[in-house]
N, C-alpha and C. Protein backbone atom coordinates (compact mmCIF):
# COMPACT_ATOMS: atom_id res chain seq x y z
N MET A 1 0.85 -1.18 0.00
CA MET A 1 0.00 0.00 0.00
C MET A 1 0.89 1.23 0.00
N ASN A 2 0.59 2.22 -0.86
CA ASN A 2 1.44 3.39 -0.92
C ASN A 2 1.10 4.38 0.19
N ALA A 3 1.97 5.36 0.39
CA ALA A 3 1.81 6.30 1.50
C ALA A 3 0.54 7.14 1.36
N ALA A 4 0.17 7.52 0.14
CA ALA A 4 -1.04 8.33 -0.05
C ALA A 4 -2.28 7.58 0.38
N LEU A 5 -2.34 6.30 0.02
CA LEU A 5 -3.49 5.50 0.43
C LEU A 5 -3.54 5.35 1.94
N THR A 6 -2.39 5.18 2.55
CA THR A 6 -2.33 5.02 3.99
C THR A 6 -2.90 6.24 4.71
N LEU A 7 -2.66 7.44 4.16
CA LEU A 7 -3.15 8.66 4.79
C LEU A 7 -4.64 8.87 4.57
N SER A 8 -5.18 8.37 3.46
CA SER A 8 -6.57 8.68 3.14
C SER A 8 -7.56 7.59 3.53
N ALA A 9 -7.10 6.40 3.81
CA ALA A 9 -7.99 5.31 4.23
C ALA A 9 -7.34 4.58 5.41
N PHE A 10 -8.06 4.52 6.51
CA PHE A 10 -7.49 3.93 7.73
C PHE A 10 -8.61 3.56 8.68
N ASN A 11 -8.29 2.69 9.62
CA ASN A 11 -9.19 2.39 10.72
C ASN A 11 -8.76 3.21 11.93
N LEU A 12 -9.70 3.44 12.83
CA LEU A 12 -9.40 4.03 14.12
C LEU A 12 -9.92 3.08 15.19
N ALA A 13 -9.02 2.61 16.04
CA ALA A 13 -9.39 1.77 17.18
C ALA A 13 -9.51 2.71 18.38
N CYS A 14 -10.74 2.86 18.89
CA CYS A 14 -11.03 3.88 19.90
C CYS A 14 -11.59 3.24 21.17
N SER A 15 -11.08 3.67 22.32
CA SER A 15 -11.56 3.16 23.61
C SER A 15 -11.64 4.29 24.61
N GLY A 16 -12.60 4.15 25.55
CA GLY A 16 -12.74 5.14 26.60
C GLY A 16 -14.13 5.09 27.20
N PRO A 17 -14.46 6.10 28.01
CA PRO A 17 -15.73 6.10 28.74
C PRO A 17 -16.91 6.62 27.91
N SER A 18 -18.07 6.08 28.23
CA SER A 18 -19.35 6.55 27.70
C SER A 18 -20.20 6.91 28.90
N TRP A 19 -20.78 8.12 28.91
CA TRP A 19 -21.54 8.61 30.05
C TRP A 19 -22.94 9.02 29.66
N THR A 20 -23.84 8.90 30.63
CA THR A 20 -25.11 9.63 30.59
C THR A 20 -24.82 10.93 31.30
N LEU A 21 -25.23 12.05 30.70
CA LEU A 21 -24.95 13.33 31.33
C LEU A 21 -26.04 13.68 32.32
N GLY A 22 -25.62 14.26 33.42
CA GLY A 22 -26.56 14.62 34.48
C GLY A 22 -26.96 16.08 34.40
N PRO A 23 -27.36 16.63 35.53
CA PRO A 23 -27.75 18.05 35.58
C PRO A 23 -26.63 18.95 35.06
N LYS A 24 -27.01 19.98 34.35
CA LYS A 24 -26.08 20.95 33.77
C LYS A 24 -25.14 20.29 32.76
N ASP A 25 -25.58 19.18 32.16
CA ASP A 25 -24.81 18.48 31.12
C ASP A 25 -23.42 18.04 31.57
N LEU A 26 -23.27 17.70 32.85
CA LEU A 26 -21.99 17.21 33.36
C LEU A 26 -22.00 15.69 33.41
N PRO A 27 -20.87 15.04 33.07
CA PRO A 27 -20.81 13.59 33.15
C PRO A 27 -21.04 13.09 34.58
N VAL A 28 -21.69 11.96 34.71
CA VAL A 28 -21.92 11.32 36.00
C VAL A 28 -20.94 10.14 36.06
N PRO A 29 -19.76 10.32 36.73
CA PRO A 29 -18.70 9.30 36.68
C PRO A 29 -19.16 7.90 37.08
N GLU A 30 -20.04 7.81 38.07
CA GLU A 30 -20.46 6.48 38.52
C GLU A 30 -21.33 5.76 37.48
N LYS A 31 -21.78 6.48 36.47
CA LYS A 31 -22.58 5.86 35.42
C LYS A 31 -21.77 5.59 34.15
N ALA A 32 -20.45 5.83 34.20
CA ALA A 32 -19.60 5.62 33.03
C ALA A 32 -19.40 4.14 32.76
N ILE A 33 -19.39 3.78 31.49
CA ILE A 33 -19.03 2.42 31.07
C ILE A 33 -17.91 2.55 30.04
N GLN A 34 -17.02 1.58 30.02
CA GLN A 34 -15.93 1.57 29.05
C GLN A 34 -16.42 0.96 27.75
N VAL A 35 -16.11 1.61 26.64
CA VAL A 35 -16.51 1.11 25.33
C VAL A 35 -15.31 1.05 24.40
N HIS A 36 -15.41 0.20 23.39
CA HIS A 36 -14.41 0.12 22.32
C HIS A 36 -15.15 0.19 20.99
N ARG A 37 -14.66 1.04 20.11
CA ARG A 37 -15.26 1.18 18.78
C ARG A 37 -14.16 1.10 17.73
N GLU A 38 -14.47 0.50 16.62
CA GLU A 38 -13.55 0.44 15.48
C GLU A 38 -14.21 1.16 14.31
N LEU A 39 -13.64 2.31 13.92
CA LEU A 39 -14.15 3.08 12.81
C LEU A 39 -13.30 2.82 11.57
N ARG A 40 -13.94 2.82 10.41
CA ARG A 40 -13.23 2.69 9.13
C ARG A 40 -13.48 3.97 8.35
N ILE A 41 -12.41 4.69 8.06
CA ILE A 41 -12.47 6.01 7.43
C ILE A 41 -11.83 5.94 6.04
N ASP A 42 -12.53 6.43 5.02
CA ASP A 42 -11.96 6.57 3.68
C ASP A 42 -12.17 8.01 3.25
N LEU A 43 -11.11 8.82 3.38
CA LEU A 43 -11.22 10.25 3.07
C LEU A 43 -11.45 10.50 1.58
N ASP A 44 -10.82 9.70 0.72
CA ASP A 44 -11.01 9.89 -0.73
C ASP A 44 -12.46 9.65 -1.13
N ALA A 45 -13.08 8.63 -0.57
CA ALA A 45 -14.48 8.32 -0.88
C ALA A 45 -15.43 9.21 -0.08
N GLY A 46 -14.92 9.87 0.99
CA GLY A 46 -15.78 10.70 1.83
C GLY A 46 -16.79 9.89 2.62
N ARG A 47 -16.42 8.65 3.01
CA ARG A 47 -17.33 7.73 3.69
C ARG A 47 -16.66 7.18 4.95
N TRP A 48 -17.49 6.74 5.88
CA TRP A 48 -17.00 6.09 7.10
C TRP A 48 -18.04 5.10 7.59
N CYS A 49 -17.60 4.19 8.44
CA CYS A 49 -18.52 3.23 9.06
C CYS A 49 -17.96 2.84 10.42
N ASP A 50 -18.78 2.13 11.18
CA ASP A 50 -18.48 1.79 12.56
C ASP A 50 -18.77 0.31 12.79
N GLY A 51 -17.97 -0.32 13.63
CA GLY A 51 -18.25 -1.70 14.01
C GLY A 51 -18.12 -2.68 12.85
N GLU A 52 -19.17 -3.46 12.64
CA GLU A 52 -19.15 -4.48 11.58
C GLU A 52 -19.22 -3.88 10.19
N CYS A 53 -19.54 -2.62 10.10
CA CYS A 53 -19.46 -1.87 8.85
C CYS A 53 -20.35 -2.48 7.75
N THR A 54 -21.62 -2.67 8.06
CA THR A 54 -22.53 -3.21 7.05
C THR A 54 -22.98 -2.14 6.07
N THR A 55 -22.96 -0.87 6.49
CA THR A 55 -23.26 0.26 5.61
C THR A 55 -22.31 1.40 5.95
N THR A 56 -22.11 2.31 5.01
CA THR A 56 -21.27 3.47 5.26
C THR A 56 -22.13 4.74 5.31
N SER A 57 -21.55 5.77 5.89
CA SER A 57 -22.20 7.08 5.98
C SER A 57 -21.25 8.12 5.41
N PRO A 58 -21.79 9.23 4.92
CA PRO A 58 -20.90 10.29 4.43
C PRO A 58 -20.19 10.99 5.59
N ILE A 59 -18.96 11.38 5.37
CA ILE A 59 -18.24 12.22 6.32
C ILE A 59 -18.80 13.64 6.17
N ALA A 60 -19.24 14.24 7.26
CA ALA A 60 -19.85 15.58 7.18
C ALA A 60 -18.84 16.62 6.70
N ARG A 61 -17.64 16.64 7.32
CA ARG A 61 -16.58 17.57 6.94
C ARG A 61 -15.24 16.97 7.29
N ALA A 62 -14.30 17.06 6.36
CA ALA A 62 -12.93 16.62 6.62
C ALA A 62 -12.03 17.84 6.54
N GLN A 63 -11.48 18.22 7.68
CA GLN A 63 -10.58 19.36 7.75
C GLN A 63 -9.21 18.87 8.19
N LYS A 64 -8.23 19.74 8.08
CA LYS A 64 -6.86 19.36 8.43
C LYS A 64 -6.77 18.85 9.86
N ARG A 65 -7.44 19.51 10.79
CA ARG A 65 -7.32 19.15 12.20
C ARG A 65 -8.47 18.31 12.74
N VAL A 66 -9.65 18.38 12.09
CA VAL A 66 -10.83 17.71 12.62
C VAL A 66 -11.58 16.97 11.52
N LEU A 67 -12.00 15.75 11.83
CA LEU A 67 -12.93 15.01 10.98
C LEU A 67 -14.29 15.06 11.65
N VAL A 68 -15.25 15.68 11.00
CA VAL A 68 -16.60 15.73 11.54
C VAL A 68 -17.39 14.62 10.87
N LEU A 69 -17.78 13.62 11.66
CA LEU A 69 -18.48 12.46 11.11
C LEU A 69 -19.98 12.70 11.04
N ASN A 70 -20.56 13.22 12.10
CA ASN A 70 -21.98 13.58 12.16
C ASN A 70 -22.09 15.01 12.63
N GLU A 71 -22.90 15.79 11.93
CA GLU A 71 -23.06 17.18 12.30
C GLU A 71 -24.53 17.57 12.12
N PRO A 72 -25.23 17.81 13.22
CA PRO A 72 -26.64 18.21 13.09
C PRO A 72 -26.76 19.63 12.59
N ALA A 73 -27.84 19.91 11.89
CA ALA A 73 -28.14 21.29 11.52
C ALA A 73 -28.42 22.08 12.80
N ASP A 74 -28.23 23.39 12.75
CA ASP A 74 -28.46 24.21 13.95
C ASP A 74 -29.87 24.01 14.52
N ALA A 75 -30.85 23.89 13.66
CA ALA A 75 -32.22 23.68 14.11
C ALA A 75 -32.37 22.36 14.85
N ASP A 76 -31.63 21.33 14.41
CA ASP A 76 -31.72 20.02 15.06
C ASP A 76 -31.20 20.06 16.49
N ARG A 77 -30.19 20.89 16.76
CA ARG A 77 -29.64 20.98 18.12
C ARG A 77 -30.68 21.49 19.12
N GLN A 78 -31.67 22.20 18.65
CA GLN A 78 -32.72 22.73 19.53
C GLN A 78 -33.84 21.71 19.75
N GLY A 79 -33.85 20.64 18.98
CA GLY A 79 -34.93 19.66 19.06
C GLY A 79 -34.72 18.60 20.12
N GLU A 80 -35.54 17.57 20.05
CA GLU A 80 -35.52 16.49 21.04
C GLU A 80 -34.36 15.51 20.84
N SER A 81 -33.89 15.36 19.60
CA SER A 81 -32.86 14.36 19.32
C SER A 81 -31.85 14.87 18.30
N TYR A 82 -30.59 14.57 18.54
CA TYR A 82 -29.54 14.83 17.55
C TYR A 82 -28.31 14.00 17.90
N THR A 83 -27.42 13.88 16.92
CA THR A 83 -26.14 13.22 17.09
C THR A 83 -25.07 14.09 16.49
N GLU A 84 -23.99 14.32 17.22
CA GLU A 84 -22.81 14.98 16.66
C GLU A 84 -21.58 14.20 17.08
N GLU A 85 -20.66 14.06 16.12
CA GLU A 85 -19.50 13.20 16.37
C GLU A 85 -18.32 13.72 15.56
N TRP A 86 -17.16 13.83 16.22
CA TRP A 86 -15.97 14.32 15.53
C TRP A 86 -14.72 13.70 16.13
N VAL A 87 -13.64 13.72 15.33
CA VAL A 87 -12.33 13.21 15.76
C VAL A 87 -11.33 14.35 15.62
N ASP A 88 -10.64 14.66 16.71
CA ASP A 88 -9.55 15.62 16.67
C ASP A 88 -8.32 14.88 16.16
N ARG A 89 -7.82 15.28 15.00
CA ARG A 89 -6.73 14.55 14.35
C ARG A 89 -5.38 14.77 15.03
N GLU A 90 -5.26 15.79 15.87
CA GLU A 90 -4.01 16.01 16.60
C GLU A 90 -3.97 15.21 17.89
N SER A 91 -5.05 15.25 18.66
CA SER A 91 -5.07 14.57 19.96
C SER A 91 -5.50 13.10 19.83
N GLY A 92 -6.19 12.76 18.73
CA GLY A 92 -6.72 11.41 18.59
C GLY A 92 -7.99 11.18 19.40
N LEU A 93 -8.62 12.23 19.88
CA LEU A 93 -9.81 12.12 20.71
C LEU A 93 -11.08 12.12 19.85
N LEU A 94 -11.89 11.09 20.01
CA LEU A 94 -13.20 11.00 19.36
C LEU A 94 -14.24 11.44 20.37
N THR A 95 -15.10 12.37 19.98
CA THR A 95 -16.18 12.85 20.84
C THR A 95 -17.50 12.57 20.16
N LEU A 96 -18.40 11.94 20.89
CA LEU A 96 -19.76 11.66 20.42
C LEU A 96 -20.73 12.22 21.43
N ARG A 97 -21.65 13.07 20.97
CA ARG A 97 -22.73 13.60 21.82
C ARG A 97 -24.04 13.19 21.18
N VAL A 98 -24.90 12.57 21.95
CA VAL A 98 -26.20 12.14 21.46
C VAL A 98 -27.27 12.65 22.42
N LYS A 99 -28.28 13.28 21.86
CA LYS A 99 -29.44 13.70 22.66
C LYS A 99 -30.64 12.93 22.12
N ILE A 100 -31.29 12.19 23.02
CA ILE A 100 -32.48 11.41 22.66
C ILE A 100 -33.57 11.75 23.66
N MET A 101 -34.62 12.36 23.18
CA MET A 101 -35.77 12.72 24.03
C MET A 101 -35.32 13.47 25.28
N GLY A 102 -34.37 14.39 25.12
CA GLY A 102 -33.93 15.22 26.21
C GLY A 102 -32.78 14.66 27.04
N ALA A 103 -32.50 13.36 26.95
CA ALA A 103 -31.38 12.77 27.68
C ALA A 103 -30.11 12.92 26.85
N LEU A 104 -29.00 13.30 27.49
CA LEU A 104 -27.73 13.48 26.80
C LEU A 104 -26.76 12.36 27.15
N TYR A 105 -26.05 11.89 26.12
CA TYR A 105 -25.03 10.85 26.27
C TYR A 105 -23.74 11.36 25.66
N LEU A 106 -22.61 11.00 26.24
CA LEU A 106 -21.31 11.48 25.79
C LEU A 106 -20.32 10.34 25.77
N GLN A 107 -19.54 10.27 24.69
CA GLN A 107 -18.39 9.37 24.63
C GLN A 107 -17.16 10.23 24.34
N THR A 108 -16.10 9.99 25.07
CA THR A 108 -14.81 10.61 24.79
C THR A 108 -13.79 9.47 24.73
N LEU A 109 -13.39 9.12 23.53
CA LEU A 109 -12.56 7.94 23.32
C LEU A 109 -11.20 8.33 22.74
N ARG A 110 -10.16 7.65 23.17
CA ARG A 110 -8.82 7.82 22.60
C ARG A 110 -8.68 6.85 21.44
N CYS A 111 -8.22 7.36 20.31
CA CYS A 111 -8.13 6.55 19.09
C CYS A 111 -6.68 6.38 18.64
N GLU A 112 -6.41 5.21 18.12
CA GLU A 112 -5.13 4.89 17.49
C GLU A 112 -5.40 4.49 16.05
N LYS A 113 -4.57 4.96 15.15
CA LYS A 113 -4.70 4.62 13.73
C LYS A 113 -4.30 3.17 13.52
N ALA A 114 -5.06 2.49 12.65
CA ALA A 114 -4.78 1.09 12.32
C ALA A 114 -4.95 0.90 10.82
N ALA A 115 -4.55 -0.25 10.32
CA ALA A 115 -4.67 -0.55 8.89
C ALA A 115 -6.14 -0.57 8.47
N PHE A 116 -6.40 -0.04 7.31
CA PHE A 116 -7.76 0.02 6.76
C PHE A 116 -8.22 -1.37 6.39
N THR A 117 -9.39 -1.76 6.88
CA THR A 117 -9.93 -3.09 6.58
C THR A 117 -11.07 -3.05 5.58
N GLY A 118 -11.32 -1.89 4.99
CA GLY A 118 -12.26 -1.80 3.87
C GLY A 118 -13.68 -1.47 4.25
N HIS A 119 -14.44 -1.08 3.23
CA HIS A 119 -15.87 -0.84 3.34
C HIS A 119 -16.62 -1.94 2.61
N PRO A 120 -17.91 -2.11 2.88
CA PRO A 120 -18.66 -3.15 2.17
C PRO A 120 -18.71 -2.87 0.68
N GLN A 121 -18.71 -3.92 -0.10
CA GLN A 121 -18.81 -3.80 -1.56
C GLN A 121 -20.23 -3.44 -1.95
N LEU A 122 -20.35 -2.64 -3.01
CA LEU A 122 -21.67 -2.31 -3.53
C LEU A 122 -22.31 -3.57 -4.12
N LYS A 123 -23.59 -3.73 -3.94
CA LYS A 123 -24.31 -4.90 -4.44
C LYS A 123 -24.59 -4.79 -5.93
N PHE A 124 -24.79 -3.56 -6.43
CA PHE A 124 -25.03 -3.37 -7.87
C PHE A 124 -24.74 -1.92 -8.23
C-alpha cells in the first residue's frame, strides 16, 4: 500500500468512557461504562462506518485538524434528538454527543490509527 493510500484510508481503534450526562450536562462518573469502537475512514471516498461496517455514511466535513463524522443542523440541536461526532486529528480524541428525548449521552474515546480493513462492496 502506498503512502497516499495510507493517509486517506485507515481504521481508528477507539476506547474510553461513555456517560449519561446529568444536571447541567456534566458527566456522571459512577454511570460511566468503558466502550471500544472500530471506525473505518476513507477520506477519498468521503465515507465512514463503525463496528461491523454493514453500511457506510458520508463524512460531514474533513478538515486538516478535525474530521466531523456527524453534524446536526443548527435547528436540530434545539430539538428532542440529535447526534454529533468528531475526531480531533491532533489529539486522537473521538467525541460523540447524542441527545435522545432530552437525555444526553457522551463518549470521549482515545483513538489509534490502524490498517484500513475496507468498506462493504456495492451490491449493484
